[in-house]
Amino acid sequence: MDFSKFTHINQAFTCMNCGREVPPRTSGCRNHCPYCLTSRHVDINPGDRANNCEGLMDAVGYELSAKKGVVLIFHCRRCQQVTRNMAANEDPNTPDNYDLILTLNRPLIDR
């Protein structure tokens, strides 16, 4: 993943897993549902919408990063790819479900 090719997209969407309406983040970008932590596999580089997979991605774990805070680990149901994305648990309007994050697997070694 090449973060120098980051495309800023911060728009509302309907979660394809739980059906809830997800508003844009107050700051930054959101690529997963804050309620059920499900994402859709649509990007090759963040925000480019160039991935044809379009499978649902489940949050399967998390890491703690000194620079990025909580980083969610996603697994695609369709193509099996594993990706990482920063949690939005500090968004003042629609934070990620932190209780749900804490139920996810956490690797023994954080980055």
C-alpha atoms as a PDB file:
ATOM      1  CA  MET A   1       0.000   0.000   0.000  1.00  0.00           C
ATOM      2  CA  ASP A   2       1.432   3.336  -1.020  1.00  0.00           C
ATOM      3  CA  PHE A   3       0.276   6.102   1.352  1.00  0.00           C
ATOM      4  CA  SER A   4       1.857   8.743  -0.910  1.00  0.00           C
ATOM      5  CA  LYS A   5      -1.046   7.946  -3.260  1.00  0.00           C
ATOM      6  CA  PHE A   6      -3.687   8.651  -0.590  1.00  0.00           C
ATOM      7  CA  THR A   7      -6.953  10.030  -1.996  1.00  0.00           C
ATOM      8  CA  HIS A   8      -9.002  11.936   0.596  1.00  0.00           C
ATOM      9  CA  ILE A   9     -12.594  10.636   0.507  1.00  0.00           C
ATOM     10  CA  ASN A  10     -14.802  11.405   3.501  1.00  0.00           C
ATOM     11  CA  GLN A  11     -18.397  10.712   2.589  1.00  0.00           C
ATOM     12  CA  ALA A  12     -21.453   9.087   4.143  1.00  0.00           C
ATOM     13  CA  PHE A  13     -22.319   5.492   3.229  1.00  0.00           C
ATOM     14  CA  THR A  14     -24.675   2.678   4.161  1.00  0.00           C
ATOM     15  CA  CYS A  15     -22.940  -0.275   5.808  1.00  0.00           C
ATOM     16  CA  MET A  16     -23.362  -3.374   3.648  1.00  0.00           C
ATOM     17  CA  ASN A  17     -23.105  -5.580   6.748  1.00  0.00           C
ATOM     18  CA  CYS A  18     -25.426  -4.021   9.356  1.00  0.00           C
ATOM     19  CA  GLY A  19     -27.376  -1.604   7.114  1.00  0.00           C
ATOM     20  CA  ARG A  20     -26.795   1.448   9.299  1.00  0.00           C
ATOM     21  CA  GLU A  21     -26.167   4.892   7.846  1.00  0.00           C
ATOM     22  CA  VAL A  22     -22.576   5.993   8.490  1.00  0.00           C
ATOM     23  CA  PRO A  23     -21.874   9.741   8.449  1.00  0.00           C
ATOM     24  CA  PRO A  24     -18.546  11.228   7.348  1.00  0.00           C
ATOM     25  CA  ARG A  25     -15.889  11.648  10.034  1.00  0.00           C
ATOM     26  CA  THR A  26     -15.434  15.017  11.676  1.00  0.00           C
ATOM     27  CA  SER A  27     -11.813  14.986  10.489  1.00  0.00           C
ATOM     28  CA  GLY A  28      -9.869  12.503   8.411  1.00  0.00           C
ATOM     29  CA  CYS A  29     -11.454   9.713   6.389  1.00  0.00           C
ATOM     30  CA  ARG A  30     -13.563   6.721   7.327  1.00  0.00           C
ATOM     31  CA  ASN A  31     -13.393   3.404   5.503  1.00  0.00           C
ATOM     32  CA  HIS A  32     -15.319   1.175   7.907  1.00  0.00           C
ATOM     33  CA  CYS A  33     -18.581   1.137   9.830  1.00  0.00           C
ATOM     34  CA  PRO A  34     -18.186   2.517  13.373  1.00  0.00           C
ATOM     35  CA  TYR A  35     -21.056   0.336  14.609  1.00  0.00           C
ATOM     36  CA  CYS A  36     -20.053  -3.163  13.418  1.00  0.00           C
ATOM     37  CA  LEU A  37     -16.439  -2.440  12.281  1.00  0.00           C
ATOM     38  CA  THR A  38     -17.029  -3.897   8.815  1.00  0.00           C
ATOM     39  CA  SER A  39     -15.361  -2.419   5.738  1.00  0.00           C
ATOM     40  CA  ARG A  40     -15.634  -2.977   1.994  1.00  0.00           C
ATOM     41  CA  HIS A  41     -12.597  -3.984  -0.069  1.00  0.00           C
ATOM     42  CA  VAL A  42     -12.653  -1.219  -2.678  1.00  0.00           C
ATOM     43  CA  ASP A  43      -9.181   0.397  -2.460  1.00  0.00           C
ATOM     44  CA  ILE A  44      -5.719  -0.600  -3.601  1.00  0.00           C
ATOM     45  CA  ASN A  45      -4.222   2.632  -2.266  1.00  0.00           C
ATOM     46  CA  PRO A  46      -6.279   4.533   0.339  1.00  0.00           C
ATOM     47  CA  GLY A  47      -9.253   6.229  -1.288  1.00  0.00           C
ATOM     48  CA  ASP A  48      -8.538   5.235  -4.900  1.00  0.00           C
ATOM     49  CA  ARG A  49     -11.580   2.902  -5.288  1.00  0.00           C
ATOM     50  CA  ALA A  50      -9.488   0.854  -7.765  1.00  0.00           C
ATOM     51  CA  ASN A  51      -9.947  -2.620  -6.253  1.00  0.00           C
ATOM     52  CA  ASN A  52     -12.481  -4.785  -8.080  1.00  0.00           C
ATOM     53  CA  CYS A  53     -12.837  -7.255  -5.191  1.00  0.00           C
ATOM     54  CA  GLU A  54     -15.547  -5.300  -3.329  1.00  0.00           C
ATOM     55  CA  GLY A  55     -15.810  -8.044  -0.690  1.00  0.00           C
ATOM     56  CA  LEU A  56     -16.809  -7.299   2.876  1.00  0.00           C
ATOM     57  CA  MET A  57     -13.894  -7.018   5.280  1.00  0.00           C
ATOM     58  CA  ASP A  58     -14.231  -8.038   8.920  1.00  0.00           C
ATOM     59  CA  ALA A  59     -12.224  -6.443  11.712  1.00  0.00           C
ATOM     60  CA  VAL A  60     -10.408  -9.462  13.136  1.00  0.00           C
ATOM     61  CA  GLY A  61      -7.870  -7.830  15.423  1.00  0.00           C
ATOM     62  CA  TYR A  62      -6.131  -4.673  16.464  1.00  0.00           C
ATOM     63  CA  GLU A  63      -2.679  -3.329  17.215  1.00  0.00           C
ATOM     64  CA  LEU A  64      -1.526  -0.378  19.266  1.00  0.00           C
ATOM     65  CA  SER A  65       0.787   2.028  17.469  1.00  0.00           C
ATOM     66  CA  ALA A  66       2.733   4.817  19.153  1.00  0.00           C
ATOM     67  CA  LYS A  67       2.155   7.007  16.073  1.00  0.00           C
ATOM     68  CA  LYS A  68      -1.323   5.938  14.900  1.00  0.00           C
ATOM     69  CA  GLY A  69      -3.076   4.793  18.079  1.00  0.00           C
ATOM     70  CA  VAL A  70      -5.454   1.861  17.632  1.00  0.00           C
ATOM     71  CA  VAL A  71      -4.991   0.170  14.241  1.00  0.00           C
ATOM     72  CA  LEU A  72      -7.678  -2.284  13.143  1.00  0.00           C
ATOM     73  CA  ILE A  73      -6.741  -5.436  11.224  1.00  0.00           C
ATOM     74  CA  PHE A  74      -9.239  -6.399   8.510  1.00  0.00           C
ATOM     75  CA  HIS A  75      -9.669  -9.691   6.641  1.00  0.00           C
ATOM     76  CA  CYS A  76     -11.526  -9.790   3.316  1.00  0.00           C
ATOM     77  CA  ARG A  77     -14.235 -12.470   3.123  1.00  0.00           C
ATOM     78  CA  ARG A  78     -13.862 -12.732  -0.663  1.00  0.00           C
ATOM     79  CA  CYS A  79     -10.143 -12.590  -1.529  1.00  0.00           C
ATOM     80  CA  GLN A  80      -8.678 -13.263   1.946  1.00  0.00           C
ATOM     81  CA  GLN A  81      -6.392 -10.183   1.881  1.00  0.00           C
ATOM     82  CA  VAL A  82      -5.441  -8.691   5.246  1.00  0.00           C
ATOM     83  CA  THR A  83      -5.229  -4.907   5.594  1.00  0.00           C
ATOM     84  CA  ARG A  84      -4.822  -2.392   8.400  1.00  0.00           C
ATOM     85  CA  ASN A  85      -6.571   0.909   9.056  1.00  0.00           C
ATOM     86  CA  MET A  86      -6.566   3.394  11.885  1.00  0.00           C
ATOM     87  CA  ALA A  87      -9.554   3.231  14.203  1.00  0.00           C
ATOM     88  CA  ALA A  88     -11.750   6.311  14.469  1.00  0.00           C
ATOM     89  CA  ASN A  89     -12.565   5.785  18.141  1.00  0.00           C
ATOM     90  CA  GLU A  90     -11.864   9.459  18.954  1.00  0.00           C
ATOM     91  CA  ASP A  91     -14.309  10.928  16.401  1.00  0.00           C
ATOM     92  CA  PRO A  92     -16.561  13.229  18.494  1.00  0.00           C
ATOM     93  CA  ASN A  93     -19.760  12.535  16.512  1.00  0.00           C
ATOM     94  CA  THR A  94     -19.572   8.872  15.511  1.00  0.00           C
ATOM     95  CA  PRO A  95     -16.664   7.097  17.211  1.00  0.00           C
ATOM     96  CA  ASP A  96     -15.844   3.484  16.490  1.00  0.00           C
ATOM     97  CA  ASN A  97     -17.446   1.005  18.895  1.00  0.00           C
ATOM     98  CA  TYR A  98     -14.530   0.739  21.336  1.00  0.00           C
ATOM     99  CA  ASP A  99     -16.187  -2.063  23.327  1.00  0.00           C
ATOM    100  CA  LEU A 100     -16.363  -4.092  20.108  1.00  0.00           C
ATOM    101  CA  ILE A 101     -12.714  -3.285  19.312  1.00  0.00           C
ATOM    102  CA  LEU A 102     -11.700  -4.691  22.699  1.00  0.00           C
ATOM    103  CA  THR A 103     -13.327  -8.037  21.834  1.00  0.00           C
ATOM    104  CA  LEU A 104     -11.024  -8.434  18.794  1.00  0.00           C
ATOM    105  CA  ASN A 105      -7.803 -10.430  18.871  1.00  0.00           C
ATOM    106  CA  ARG A 106      -4.710  -8.477  19.782  1.00  0.00           C
ATOM    107  CA  PRO A 107      -1.260  -9.641  18.693  1.00  0.00           C
ATOM    108  CA  LEU A 108       1.265 -10.177  21.469  1.00  0.00           C
ATOM    109  CA  ILE A 109       3.665  -7.684  19.881  1.00  0.00           C
ATOM    110  CA  ASP A 110       2.445  -4.219  18.881  1.00  0.00           C
ATOM    111  CA  ARG A 111       4.152  -1.984  16.356  1.00  0.00           C
END
